[in-house]
Amino acid sequence: MSVSEPVHHFSLQAVDNEKLAILCGQFNSNIKQLEKHFNTRIMHRGGDFTVFGSKGLTSQVEKAVQDLYAHAVDGDELDTATIHVALQHLSQKEVGAEEVMVVRTPRAKVRLRNPRQQSYARNVITHDINFAIGPAGTGKTYLAVACAVEALEKEEVSRIVLVRPAVEAGERLGFLPGDLEQKVDPYLRPLYDALYEMLGFERVDRLLERHIIEIAPLAYMRGRTLNDAMAILDEAQNTTEEQMRMFLTRIGYGSRAIITGDITQTDLPRSQRSGLRHAIEVLSGINGISFNYFDSRDVVRHPLVQKIVEAYQAADSKHKDSNAAND
């Protein structure tokens, strides 16, 4: 590092050493992640920080450090994923100075800094049926579960129903070993992971025993009416048109539904049209139904996931253009 390189100094206000330790991470792991992201060097002694680089770069680093420290003060854990999301949002100018929304669950506060996530959460409150459509890693399912848990805690609904098509098993769950819950568990694992994080293992198990949280393979939903419930249909791109229609008409009084999916990752046979894609065409514009779209900029997983999504989107677009030219 050149001695003549610009240096920027800043300090955190009212430093709490415990929160500062959370900010920096074990063996300064969080600081190292910031250094790698910004391609710079960060030094600190207590709450006093020194950053090397241009004014624009160091200003971004300061904002990131201040933002992450605020997370720590609020009691949030700072892991690699949390820091990645915070840095991602910092780089999106559309976020601006907009107030951060929070979905509160007993064991986790889910911060919504992305405008699309904020719009999605608002729509879940104001609309009875909500579609969340976008690539993997954009938080569609996680946020759906968070909204459902918050609604249950506020007694806005009396139960949560989790639904997912078991395409890989051809919906022939009778051939799988175990009871209904054990048969469907592998397909609902992402939903369970989110529930455990927000409610804890013991409470989730108790709620399952009391059927306040219910699992339901899509094939078993026929003929039911869901009253006073928050129903989540995950991986909806793998529903047929008939299955999607069947699920949407299960919604009863006092209930809300969230349907999540990625129309670019359909596991259905090529000859079968996705119920999610059909629903987008048929239901757009109906009052009480919201459609929330996400793209690669909203990915909150490993930084490479965003690049992978963008690469596949570009390849798909090129393939469509090629097919159009040949027609």
C-alpha atoms as a PDB file:
ATOM      1  CA  MET A   1       0.000   0.000   0.000  1.00  0.00           C
ATOM      2  CA  SER A   2       1.443   3.330  -1.092  1.00  0.00           C
ATOM      3  CA  VAL A   3       2.312   5.782   1.653  1.00  0.00           C
ATOM      4  CA  SER A   4       0.848   8.625  -0.431  1.00  0.00           C
ATOM      5  CA  GLU A   5      -2.501   6.895  -0.819  1.00  0.00           C
ATOM      6  CA  PRO A   6      -5.412   8.932   0.615  1.00  0.00           C
ATOM      7  CA  VAL A   7      -6.445   8.051   4.146  1.00  0.00           C
ATOM      8  CA  HIS A   8      -9.846   8.551   5.744  1.00  0.00           C
ATOM      9  CA  HIS A   9     -10.527   8.489   9.493  1.00  0.00           C
ATOM     10  CA  PHE A  10     -13.877   8.113  11.227  1.00  0.00           C
ATOM     11  CA  SER A  11     -15.190   7.030  14.626  1.00  0.00           C
ATOM     12  CA  LEU A  12     -18.217   5.171  15.889  1.00  0.00           C
ATOM     13  CA  GLN A  13     -20.301   7.054  18.436  1.00  0.00           C
ATOM     14  CA  ALA A  14     -20.995   5.702  21.966  1.00  0.00           C
ATOM     15  CA  VAL A  15     -18.988   2.543  21.364  1.00  0.00           C
ATOM     16  CA  ASP A  16     -20.051  -0.611  23.181  1.00  0.00           C
ATOM     17  CA  ASN A  17     -17.115  -3.035  23.246  1.00  0.00           C
ATOM     18  CA  GLU A  18     -19.375  -6.089  23.078  1.00  0.00           C
ATOM     19  CA  LYS A  19     -21.176  -4.734  20.004  1.00  0.00           C
ATOM     20  CA  LEU A  20     -17.855  -3.673  18.501  1.00  0.00           C
ATOM     21  CA  ALA A  21     -16.633  -7.264  18.829  1.00  0.00           C
ATOM     22  CA  ILE A  22     -19.745  -8.450  16.959  1.00  0.00           C
ATOM     23  CA  LEU A  23     -19.083  -5.864  14.258  1.00  0.00           C
ATOM     24  CA  CYS A  24     -15.486  -6.940  13.750  1.00  0.00           C
ATOM     25  CA  GLY A  25     -16.164 -10.673  13.995  1.00  0.00           C
ATOM     26  CA  GLN A  26     -13.948 -13.419  15.338  1.00  0.00           C
ATOM     27  CA  PHE A  27     -10.329 -12.744  14.382  1.00  0.00           C
ATOM     28  CA  ASN A  28     -11.565  -9.642  12.497  1.00  0.00           C
ATOM     29  CA  SER A  29     -13.369 -11.876   9.969  1.00  0.00           C
ATOM     30  CA  ASN A  30     -16.064  -9.288   9.241  1.00  0.00           C
ATOM     31  CA  ILE A  31     -13.508  -6.531   8.687  1.00  0.00           C
ATOM     32  CA  LYS A  32     -11.633  -8.835   6.304  1.00  0.00           C
ATOM     33  CA  GLN A  33     -14.862  -9.411   4.384  1.00  0.00           C
ATOM     34  CA  LEU A  34     -15.279  -5.645   4.027  1.00  0.00           C
ATOM     35  CA  GLU A  35     -11.667  -5.307   2.875  1.00  0.00           C
ATOM     36  CA  LYS A  36     -12.185  -7.979   0.231  1.00  0.00           C
ATOM     37  CA  HIS A  37     -15.433  -6.437  -0.989  1.00  0.00           C
ATOM     38  CA  PHE A  38     -14.055  -2.910  -1.289  1.00  0.00           C
ATOM     39  CA  ASN A  39     -10.522  -3.992  -2.249  1.00  0.00           C
ATOM     40  CA  THR A  40      -8.979  -1.750   0.394  1.00  0.00           C
ATOM     41  CA  ARG A  41      -7.345  -1.886   3.817  1.00  0.00           C
ATOM     42  CA  ILE A  42      -9.194  -1.109   7.037  1.00  0.00           C
ATOM     43  CA  MET A  43      -7.489  -0.523  10.371  1.00  0.00           C
ATOM     44  CA  HIS A  44      -9.169   0.171  13.691  1.00  0.00           C
ATOM     45  CA  ARG A  45      -8.377   0.746  17.326  1.00  0.00           C
ATOM     46  CA  GLY A  46     -11.487   0.533  19.422  1.00  0.00           C
ATOM     47  CA  GLY A  47     -14.166   2.570  17.674  1.00  0.00           C
ATOM     48  CA  ASP A  48     -11.646   4.602  15.637  1.00  0.00           C
ATOM     49  CA  PHE A  49     -11.278   3.445  12.021  1.00  0.00           C
ATOM     50  CA  THR A  50      -8.792   4.247   9.273  1.00  0.00           C
ATOM     51  CA  VAL A  51      -9.557   3.414   5.632  1.00  0.00           C
ATOM     52  CA  PHE A  52      -7.151   3.695   2.707  1.00  0.00           C
ATOM     53  CA  GLY A  53      -8.426   4.759  -0.704  1.00  0.00           C
ATOM     54  CA  SER A  54     -10.251   7.440  -2.650  1.00  0.00           C
ATOM     55  CA  LYS A  55     -12.844   9.663  -1.016  1.00  0.00           C
ATOM     56  CA  GLY A  56     -15.743   7.916  -2.758  1.00  0.00           C
ATOM     57  CA  LEU A  57     -14.523   4.470  -1.710  1.00  0.00           C
ATOM     58  CA  THR A  58     -13.783   5.364   1.892  1.00  0.00           C
ATOM     59  CA  SER A  59     -17.154   7.059   2.208  1.00  0.00           C
ATOM     60  CA  GLN A  60     -18.822   3.786   1.169  1.00  0.00           C
ATOM     61  CA  VAL A  61     -16.731   1.846   3.667  1.00  0.00           C
ATOM     62  CA  GLU A  62     -17.721   4.225   6.464  1.00  0.00           C
ATOM     63  CA  LYS A  63     -21.414   3.855   5.589  1.00  0.00           C
ATOM     64  CA  ALA A  64     -21.053   0.068   5.583  1.00  0.00           C
ATOM     65  CA  VAL A  65     -19.295   0.014   8.969  1.00  0.00           C
ATOM     66  CA  GLN A  66     -21.839   2.379  10.534  1.00  0.00           C
ATOM     67  CA  ASP A  67     -24.709   0.320   9.125  1.00  0.00           C
ATOM     68  CA  LEU A  68     -23.294  -2.989  10.357  1.00  0.00           C
ATOM     69  CA  TYR A  69     -22.623  -1.521  13.788  1.00  0.00           C
ATOM     70  CA  ALA A  70     -26.282  -0.475  13.936  1.00  0.00           C
ATOM     71  CA  HIS A  71     -27.180  -4.116  13.230  1.00  0.00           C
ATOM     72  CA  ALA A  72     -24.990  -5.211  16.145  1.00  0.00           C
ATOM     73  CA  VAL A  73     -26.502  -2.613  18.485  1.00  0.00           C
ATOM     74  CA  ASP A  74     -29.975  -3.901  17.562  1.00  0.00           C
ATOM     75  CA  GLY A  75     -28.917  -7.367  18.655  1.00  0.00           C
ATOM     76  CA  ASP A  76     -28.507  -8.895  15.212  1.00  0.00           C
ATOM     77  CA  GLU A  77     -25.915 -11.549  14.508  1.00  0.00           C
ATOM     78  CA  LEU A  78     -23.412 -10.522  11.848  1.00  0.00           C
ATOM     79  CA  ASP A  79     -22.515 -13.461   9.654  1.00  0.00           C
ATOM     80  CA  THR A  80     -21.203 -13.616   6.097  1.00  0.00           C
ATOM     81  CA  ALA A  81     -24.701 -13.595   4.582  1.00  0.00           C
ATOM     82  CA  THR A  82     -25.888 -10.585   6.622  1.00  0.00           C
ATOM     83  CA  ILE A  83     -22.836  -8.579   5.643  1.00  0.00           C
ATOM     84  CA  HIS A  84     -23.202  -9.560   1.990  1.00  0.00           C
ATOM     85  CA  VAL A  85     -26.820  -8.348   1.973  1.00  0.00           C
ATOM     86  CA  ALA A  86     -25.902  -5.071   3.691  1.00  0.00           C
ATOM     87  CA  LEU A  87     -23.146  -4.407   1.154  1.00  0.00           C
ATOM     88  CA  GLN A  88     -25.445  -5.326  -1.689  1.00  0.00           C
ATOM     89  CA  HIS A  89     -28.057  -2.850  -0.525  1.00  0.00           C
ATOM     90  CA  LEU A  90     -25.440  -0.166  -0.031  1.00  0.00           C
ATOM     91  CA  SER A  91     -24.502  -0.466  -3.693  1.00  0.00           C
ATOM     92  CA  GLN A  92     -28.119  -0.105  -4.812  1.00  0.00           C
ATOM     93  CA  LYS A  93     -28.744   3.613  -4.975  1.00  0.00           C
ATOM     94  CA  GLU A  94     -32.464   3.017  -5.286  1.00  0.00           C
ATOM     95  CA  VAL A  95     -32.545   2.224  -1.557  1.00  0.00           C
ATOM     96  CA  GLY A  96     -31.503   5.790  -0.734  1.00  0.00           C
ATOM     97  CA  ALA A  97     -32.475   7.032   2.696  1.00  0.00           C
ATOM     98  CA  GLU A  98     -35.737   5.075   2.792  1.00  0.00           C
ATOM     99  CA  GLU A  99     -36.650   3.811   6.242  1.00  0.00           C
ATOM    100  CA  VAL A 100     -35.772   0.192   6.874  1.00  0.00           C
ATOM    101  CA  MET A 101     -38.777  -2.081   7.401  1.00  0.00           C
ATOM    102  CA  VAL A 102     -38.567  -4.942   9.880  1.00  0.00           C
ATOM    103  CA  VAL A 103     -40.652  -8.104  10.101  1.00  0.00           C
ATOM    104  CA  ARG A 104     -40.490  -9.217  13.730  1.00  0.00           C
ATOM    105  CA  THR A 105     -40.485 -12.851  14.757  1.00  0.00           C
ATOM    106  CA  PRO A 106     -39.758 -14.280  18.248  1.00  0.00           C
ATOM    107  CA  ARG A 107     -36.140 -15.191  17.484  1.00  0.00           C
ATOM    108  CA  ALA A 108     -35.211 -13.035  14.504  1.00  0.00           C
ATOM    109  CA  LYS A 109     -35.797  -9.570  13.126  1.00  0.00           C
ATOM    110  CA  VAL A 110     -35.961  -9.700   9.344  1.00  0.00           C
ATOM    111  CA  ARG A 111     -34.768  -6.403   7.885  1.00  0.00           C
ATOM    112  CA  LEU A 112     -36.211  -5.390   4.516  1.00  0.00           C
ATOM    113  CA  ARG A 113     -33.909  -2.869   2.901  1.00  0.00           C
ATOM    114  CA  ASN A 114     -34.574  -3.755  -0.691  1.00  0.00           C
ATOM    115  CA  PRO A 115     -37.504  -1.769  -2.129  1.00  0.00           C
ATOM    116  CA  ARG A 116     -38.918  -4.909  -3.722  1.00  0.00           C
ATOM    117  CA  GLN A 117     -38.859  -6.776  -0.420  1.00  0.00           C
ATOM    118  CA  GLN A 118     -40.521  -3.834   1.306  1.00  0.00           C
ATOM    119  CA  SER A 119     -43.253  -3.694  -1.330  1.00  0.00           C
ATOM    120  CA  TYR A 120     -43.697  -7.463  -1.030  1.00  0.00           C
ATOM    121  CA  ALA A 121     -44.121  -7.283   2.765  1.00  0.00           C
ATOM    122  CA  ARG A 122     -46.604  -4.398   2.492  1.00  0.00           C
ATOM    123  CA  ASN A 123     -48.631  -6.292  -0.082  1.00  0.00           C
ATOM    124  CA  VAL A 124     -48.831  -9.348   2.175  1.00  0.00           C
ATOM    125  CA  ILE A 125     -50.511  -7.096   4.753  1.00  0.00           C
ATOM    126  CA  THR A 126     -52.905  -5.386   2.340  1.00  0.00           C
ATOM    127  CA  HIS A 127     -53.697  -8.207  -0.115  1.00  0.00           C
ATOM    128  CA  ASP A 128     -55.268 -11.605   0.516  1.00  0.00           C
ATOM    129  CA  ILE A 129     -53.339 -13.396  -2.240  1.00  0.00           C
ATOM    130  CA  ASN A 130     -49.716 -12.556  -3.044  1.00  0.00           C
ATOM    131  CA  PHE A 131     -47.380 -13.932  -5.693  1.00  0.00           C
ATOM    132  CA  ALA A 132     -43.603 -13.632  -5.284  1.00  0.00           C
ATOM    133  CA  ILE A 133     -41.793 -14.446  -8.510  1.00  0.00           C
ATOM    134  CA  GLY A 134     -38.051 -14.405  -9.093  1.00  0.00           C
ATOM    135  CA  PRO A 135     -34.805 -16.382  -9.151  1.00  0.00           C
ATOM    136  CA  ALA A 136     -33.398 -18.497  -6.352  1.00  0.00           C
ATOM    137  CA  GLY A 137     -31.843 -16.659  -3.431  1.00  0.00           C
ATOM    138  CA  THR A 138     -33.982 -13.510  -3.504  1.00  0.00           C
ATOM    139  CA  GLY A 139     -35.646 -14.211  -0.154  1.00  0.00           C
ATOM    140  CA  LYS A 140     -39.112 -15.027  -1.512  1.00  0.00           C
ATOM    141  CA  THR A 141     -39.693 -18.067   0.676  1.00  0.00           C
ATOM    142  CA  TYR A 142     -37.850 -16.776   3.751  1.00  0.00           C
ATOM    143  CA  LEU A 143     -39.849 -13.559   3.785  1.00  0.00           C
ATOM    144  CA  ALA A 144     -43.101 -15.454   3.210  1.00  0.00           C
ATOM    145  CA  VAL A 145     -42.430 -17.548   6.321  1.00  0.00           C
ATOM    146  CA  ALA A 146     -41.432 -14.428   8.300  1.00  0.00           C
ATOM    147  CA  CYS A 147     -44.697 -12.694   7.387  1.00  0.00           C
ATOM    148  CA  ALA A 148     -46.656 -15.822   8.309  1.00  0.00           C
ATOM    149  CA  VAL A 149     -44.921 -16.125  11.698  1.00  0.00           C
ATOM    150  CA  GLU A 150     -45.470 -12.437  12.448  1.00  0.00           C
ATOM    151  CA  ALA A 151     -49.178 -12.771  11.550  1.00  0.00           C
ATOM    152  CA  LEU A 152     -49.471 -15.824  13.825  1.00  0.00           C
ATOM    153  CA  GLU A 153     -47.755 -14.005  16.714  1.00  0.00           C
ATOM    154  CA  LYS A 154     -50.096 -11.022  16.290  1.00  0.00           C
ATOM    155  CA  GLU A 155     -53.057 -13.455  16.233  1.00  0.00           C
ATOM    156  CA  GLU A 156     -54.077 -12.208  12.801  1.00  0.00           C
ATOM    157  CA  VAL A 157     -54.342 -15.873  11.777  1.00  0.00           C
ATOM    158  CA  SER A 158     -54.732 -19.015  13.883  1.00  0.00           C
ATOM    159  CA  ARG A 159     -52.481 -21.332  11.873  1.00  0.00           C
ATOM    160  CA  ILE A 160     -49.878 -21.605   9.147  1.00  0.00           C
ATOM    161  CA  VAL A 161     -50.258 -24.087   6.300  1.00  0.00           C
ATOM    162  CA  LEU A 162     -47.165 -24.974   4.272  1.00  0.00           C
ATOM    163  CA  VAL A 163     -47.695 -26.459   0.834  1.00  0.00           C
ATOM    164  CA  ARG A 164     -45.235 -27.571  -1.811  1.00  0.00           C
ATOM    165  CA  PRO A 165     -45.622 -29.777  -4.890  1.00  0.00           C
ATOM    166  CA  ALA A 166     -43.557 -32.960  -4.658  1.00  0.00           C
ATOM    167  CA  VAL A 167     -42.752 -33.105  -8.334  1.00  0.00           C
ATOM    168  CA  GLU A 168     -39.750 -35.383  -7.888  1.00  0.00           C
ATOM    169  CA  ALA A 169     -42.022 -37.981  -6.285  1.00  0.00           C
ATOM    170  CA  GLY A 170     -44.678 -37.502  -8.919  1.00  0.00           C
ATOM    171  CA  GLU A 171     -47.037 -36.695  -6.013  1.00  0.00           C
ATOM    172  CA  ARG A 172     -47.117 -40.477  -5.375  1.00  0.00           C
ATOM    173  CA  LEU A 173     -46.278 -40.050  -1.725  1.00  0.00           C
ATOM    174  CA  GLY A 174     -47.755 -43.420  -0.781  1.00  0.00           C
ATOM    175  CA  PHE A 175     -44.653 -45.125  -2.119  1.00  0.00           C
ATOM    176  CA  LEU A 176     -42.400 -43.279   0.307  1.00  0.00           C
ATOM    177  CA  PRO A 177     -41.728 -44.665   3.813  1.00  0.00           C
ATOM    178  CA  GLY A 178     -43.110 -43.054   6.964  1.00  0.00           C
ATOM    179  CA  ASP A 179     -46.208 -41.050   7.836  1.00  0.00           C
ATOM    180  CA  LEU A 180     -47.467 -38.040   5.904  1.00  0.00           C
ATOM    181  CA  GLU A 181     -45.133 -35.576   7.632  1.00  0.00           C
ATOM    182  CA  GLN A 182     -42.078 -37.763   7.011  1.00  0.00           C
ATOM    183  CA  LYS A 183     -43.005 -38.250   3.362  1.00  0.00           C
ATOM    184  CA  VAL A 184     -43.315 -34.533   2.658  1.00  0.00           C
ATOM    185  CA  ASP A 185     -40.502 -33.307   4.922  1.00  0.00           C
ATOM    186  CA  PRO A 186     -37.718 -33.396   2.274  1.00  0.00           C
ATOM    187  CA  TYR A 187     -39.734 -31.132  -0.018  1.00  0.00           C
ATOM    188  CA  LEU A 188     -40.602 -28.661   2.742  1.00  0.00           C
ATOM    189  CA  ARG A 189     -37.118 -28.452   4.243  1.00  0.00           C
ATOM    190  CA  PRO A 190     -36.483 -24.795   3.194  1.00  0.00           C
ATOM    191  CA  LEU A 191     -39.711 -23.782   4.935  1.00  0.00           C
ATOM    192  CA  TYR A 192     -38.800 -25.715   8.071  1.00  0.00           C
ATOM    193  CA  ASP A 193     -35.317 -24.172   8.151  1.00  0.00           C
ATOM    194  CA  ALA A 194     -36.878 -20.709   8.177  1.00  0.00           C
ATOM    195  CA  LEU A 195     -39.417 -21.691  10.849  1.00  0.00           C
ATOM    196  CA  TYR A 196     -36.719 -23.102  13.131  1.00  0.00           C
ATOM    197  CA  GLU A 197     -34.662 -19.935  12.756  1.00  0.00           C
ATOM    198  CA  MET A 198     -37.619 -17.707  13.637  1.00  0.00           C
ATOM    199  CA  LEU A 199     -39.361 -19.769  16.311  1.00  0.00           C
ATOM    200  CA  GLY A 200     -36.808 -22.294  17.583  1.00  0.00           C
ATOM    201  CA  PHE A 201     -36.885 -26.082  17.310  1.00  0.00           C
ATOM    202  CA  GLU A 202     -38.941 -26.813  20.434  1.00  0.00           C
ATOM    203  CA  ARG A 203     -41.693 -24.321  19.692  1.00  0.00           C
ATOM    204  CA  VAL A 204     -41.995 -25.398  16.055  1.00  0.00           C
ATOM    205  CA  ASP A 205     -42.347 -29.016  17.171  1.00  0.00           C
ATOM    206  CA  ARG A 206     -45.064 -28.039  19.682  1.00  0.00           C
ATOM    207  CA  LEU A 207     -46.959 -26.057  17.066  1.00  0.00           C
ATOM    208  CA  LEU A 208     -46.738 -28.977  14.655  1.00  0.00           C
ATOM    209  CA  GLU A 209     -48.148 -31.331  17.297  1.00  0.00           C
ATOM    210  CA  ARG A 210     -51.076 -28.968  17.894  1.00  0.00           C
ATOM    211  CA  HIS A 211     -51.578 -28.517  14.119  1.00  0.00           C
ATOM    212  CA  ILE A 212     -51.129 -24.765  14.447  1.00  0.00           C
ATOM    213  CA  ILE A 213     -48.395 -25.236  11.866  1.00  0.00           C
ATOM    214  CA  GLU A 214     -49.517 -27.777   9.299  1.00  0.00           C
ATOM    215  CA  ILE A 215     -47.770 -29.428   6.399  1.00  0.00           C
ATOM    216  CA  ALA A 216     -49.838 -30.361   3.387  1.00  0.00           C
ATOM    217  CA  PRO A 217     -48.685 -31.898   0.115  1.00  0.00           C
ATOM    218  CA  LEU A 218     -50.409 -30.105  -2.723  1.00  0.00           C
ATOM    219  CA  ALA A 219     -52.144 -33.301  -3.844  1.00  0.00           C
ATOM    220  CA  TYR A 220     -53.883 -33.510  -0.441  1.00  0.00           C
ATOM    221  CA  MET A 221     -55.385 -30.005  -0.585  1.00  0.00           C
ATOM    222  CA  ARG A 222     -58.314 -30.921  -2.807  1.00  0.00           C
ATOM    223  CA  GLY A 223     -61.705 -30.513  -1.145  1.00  0.00           C
ATOM    224  CA  ARG A 224     -60.390 -28.458   1.787  1.00  0.00           C
ATOM    225  CA  THR A 225     -61.226 -24.901   2.829  1.00  0.00           C
ATOM    226  CA  LEU A 226     -58.576 -22.943   4.720  1.00  0.00           C
ATOM    227  CA  ASN A 227     -60.156 -20.472   7.132  1.00  0.00           C
ATOM    228  CA  ASP A 228     -58.217 -18.065   9.383  1.00  0.00           C
ATOM    229  CA  ALA A 229     -54.886 -19.311   8.027  1.00  0.00           C
ATOM    230  CA  MET A 230     -51.743 -18.108   6.313  1.00  0.00           C
ATOM    231  CA  ALA A 231     -51.092 -20.546   3.472  1.00  0.00           C
ATOM    232  CA  ILE A 232     -47.737 -20.645   1.694  1.00  0.00           C
ATOM    233  CA  LEU A 233     -47.344 -22.456  -1.624  1.00  0.00           C
ATOM    234  CA  ASP A 234     -43.629 -22.770  -2.353  1.00  0.00           C
ATOM    235  CA  GLU A 235     -42.000 -23.804  -5.659  1.00  0.00           C
ATOM    236  CA  ALA A 236     -45.246 -22.897  -7.403  1.00  0.00           C
ATOM    237  CA  GLN A 237     -43.619 -23.080 -10.836  1.00  0.00           C
ATOM    238  CA  ASN A 238     -43.932 -26.860 -10.452  1.00  0.00           C
ATOM    239  CA  THR A 239     -47.719 -26.797 -10.195  1.00  0.00           C
ATOM    240  CA  THR A 240     -49.936 -27.607 -13.157  1.00  0.00           C
ATOM    241  CA  GLU A 241     -52.682 -25.202 -14.192  1.00  0.00           C
ATOM    242  CA  GLU A 242     -55.252 -27.430 -12.471  1.00  0.00           C
ATOM    243  CA  GLN A 243     -53.228 -27.632  -9.244  1.00  0.00           C
ATOM    244  CA  MET A 244     -52.772 -23.864  -9.085  1.00  0.00           C
ATOM    245  CA  ARG A 245     -56.475 -23.277  -9.601  1.00  0.00           C
ATOM    246  CA  MET A 246     -57.252 -25.876  -6.933  1.00  0.00           C
ATOM    247  CA  PHE A 247     -54.919 -24.264  -4.381  1.00  0.00           C
ATOM    248  CA  LEU A 248     -56.147 -20.707  -4.964  1.00  0.00           C
ATOM    249  CA  THR A 249     -59.764 -21.778  -4.483  1.00  0.00           C
ATOM    250  CA  ARG A 250     -58.975 -23.323  -1.077  1.00  0.00           C
ATOM    251  CA  ILE A 251     -58.628 -19.876   0.523  1.00  0.00           C
ATOM    252  CA  GLY A 252     -61.421 -19.267   3.040  1.00  0.00           C
ATOM    253  CA  TYR A 253     -62.539 -16.430   5.326  1.00  0.00           C
ATOM    254  CA  GLY A 254     -59.842 -14.625   7.267  1.00  0.00           C
ATOM    255  CA  SER A 255     -57.076 -16.307   5.289  1.00  0.00           C
ATOM    256  CA  ARG A 256     -54.194 -15.062   3.205  1.00  0.00           C
ATOM    257  CA  ALA A 257     -51.995 -16.890   0.731  1.00  0.00           C
ATOM    258  CA  ILE A 258     -48.443 -16.407  -0.494  1.00  0.00           C
ATOM    259  CA  ILE A 259     -47.354 -18.177  -3.662  1.00  0.00           C
ATOM    260  CA  THR A 260     -43.640 -18.222  -4.431  1.00  0.00           C
ATOM    261  CA  GLY A 261     -41.797 -19.541  -7.447  1.00  0.00           C
ATOM    262  CA  ASP A 262     -39.284 -19.091 -10.233  1.00  0.00           C
ATOM    263  CA  ILE A 263     -40.725 -19.512 -13.713  1.00  0.00           C
ATOM    264  CA  THR A 264     -37.228 -20.146 -15.112  1.00  0.00           C
ATOM    265  CA  GLN A 265     -36.739 -23.323 -13.017  1.00  0.00           C
ATOM    266  CA  THR A 266     -39.738 -25.500 -13.853  1.00  0.00           C
ATOM    267  CA  ASP A 267     -39.335 -29.238 -13.232  1.00  0.00           C
ATOM    268  CA  LEU A 268     -42.529 -30.162 -15.068  1.00  0.00           C
ATOM    269  CA  PRO A 269     -42.407 -32.167 -18.306  1.00  0.00           C
ATOM    270  CA  ARG A 270     -41.796 -29.944 -21.321  1.00  0.00           C
ATOM    271  CA  SER A 271     -45.288 -30.643 -22.606  1.00  0.00           C
ATOM    272  CA  GLN A 272     -46.920 -29.401 -19.383  1.00  0.00           C
ATOM    273  CA  ARG A 273     -47.494 -25.706 -18.789  1.00  0.00           C
ATOM    274  CA  SER A 274     -46.619 -24.212 -15.404  1.00  0.00           C
ATOM    275  CA  GLY A 275     -49.582 -23.201 -13.281  1.00  0.00           C
ATOM    276  CA  LEU A 276     -47.594 -20.229 -12.005  1.00  0.00           C
ATOM    277  CA  ARG A 277     -46.991 -18.865 -15.484  1.00  0.00           C
ATOM    278  CA  HIS A 278     -50.664 -19.362 -16.326  1.00  0.00           C
ATOM    279  CA  ALA A 279     -51.764 -17.601 -13.110  1.00  0.00           C
ATOM    280  CA  ILE A 280     -49.628 -14.569 -13.966  1.00  0.00           C
ATOM    281  CA  GLU A 281     -51.419 -14.258 -17.304  1.00  0.00           C
ATOM    282  CA  VAL A 282     -54.933 -14.893 -15.995  1.00  0.00           C
ATOM    283  CA  LEU A 283     -54.980 -13.126 -12.618  1.00  0.00           C
ATOM    284  CA  SER A 284     -52.963  -9.942 -13.233  1.00  0.00           C
ATOM    285  CA  GLY A 285     -55.068  -6.860 -12.570  1.00  0.00           C
ATOM    286  CA  ILE A 286     -57.515  -8.469 -10.119  1.00  0.00           C
ATOM    287  CA  ASN A 287     -58.029  -6.400  -6.957  1.00  0.00           C
ATOM    288  CA  GLY A 288     -56.831  -8.168  -3.835  1.00  0.00           C
ATOM    289  CA  ILE A 289     -54.086 -10.077  -5.664  1.00  0.00           C
ATOM    290  CA  SER A 290     -50.524  -8.726  -5.752  1.00  0.00           C
ATOM    291  CA  PHE A 291     -47.655  -9.775  -7.997  1.00  0.00           C
ATOM    292  CA  ASN A 292     -44.153  -9.114  -6.681  1.00  0.00           C
ATOM    293  CA  TYR A 293     -41.219  -9.607  -9.035  1.00  0.00           C
ATOM    294  CA  PHE A 294     -37.555 -10.052  -8.086  1.00  0.00           C
ATOM    295  CA  ASP A 295     -34.423 -10.252 -10.215  1.00  0.00           C
ATOM    296  CA  SER A 296     -30.702 -10.980  -9.856  1.00  0.00           C
ATOM    297  CA  ARG A 297     -30.095  -7.689  -8.030  1.00  0.00           C
ATOM    298  CA  ASP A 298     -32.170  -9.004  -5.124  1.00  0.00           C
ATOM    299  CA  VAL A 299     -30.158 -12.196  -4.574  1.00  0.00           C
ATOM    300  CA  VAL A 300     -29.119 -12.486  -0.921  1.00  0.00           C
ATOM    301  CA  ARG A 301     -27.045 -15.668  -1.055  1.00  0.00           C
ATOM    302  CA  HIS A 302     -23.367 -16.103  -1.915  1.00  0.00           C
ATOM    303  CA  PRO A 303     -22.179 -13.284  -4.232  1.00  0.00           C
ATOM    304  CA  LEU A 304     -21.565 -15.841  -6.992  1.00  0.00           C
ATOM    305  CA  VAL A 305     -25.259 -16.796  -7.008  1.00  0.00           C
ATOM    306  CA  GLN A 306     -26.139 -13.356  -8.366  1.00  0.00           C
ATOM    307  CA  LYS A 307     -23.590 -13.747 -11.149  1.00  0.00           C
ATOM    308  CA  ILE A 308     -24.830 -17.265 -11.918  1.00  0.00           C
ATOM    309  CA  VAL A 309     -28.436 -16.050 -12.153  1.00  0.00           C
ATOM    310  CA  GLU A 310     -27.412 -13.216 -14.478  1.00  0.00           C
ATOM    311  CA  ALA A 311     -25.374 -15.577 -16.675  1.00  0.00           C
ATOM    312  CA  TYR A 312     -28.276 -17.995 -17.090  1.00  0.00           C
ATOM    313  CA  GLN A 313     -30.690 -15.137 -17.761  1.00  0.00           C
ATOM    314  CA  ALA A 314     -28.395 -13.847 -20.495  1.00  0.00           C
ATOM    315  CA  ALA A 315     -28.085 -17.348 -21.974  1.00  0.00           C
ATOM    316  CA  ASP A 316     -31.862 -17.844 -21.907  1.00  0.00           C
ATOM    317  CA  SER A 317     -32.407 -14.482 -23.580  1.00  0.00           C
ATOM    318  CA  LYS A 318     -29.863 -15.341 -26.281  1.00  0.00           C
ATOM    319  CA  HIS A 319     -31.535 -18.728 -26.830  1.00  0.00           C
ATOM    320  CA  LYS A 320     -34.976 -17.106 -27.214  1.00  0.00           C
ATOM    321  CA  ASP A 321     -33.613 -14.545 -29.677  1.00  0.00           C
ATOM    322  CA  SER A 322     -32.008 -17.345 -31.678  1.00  0.00           C
ATOM    323  CA  ASN A 323     -35.245 -19.320 -31.796  1.00  0.00           C
ATOM    324  CA  ALA A 324     -37.205 -16.234 -32.833  1.00  0.00           C
ATOM    325  CA  ALA A 325     -34.762 -15.596 -35.679  1.00  0.00           C
ATOM    326  CA  ASN A 326     -35.172 -19.189 -36.900  1.00  0.00           C
ATOM    327  CA  ASP A 327     -38.976 -19.064 -36.893  1.00  0.00           C
END
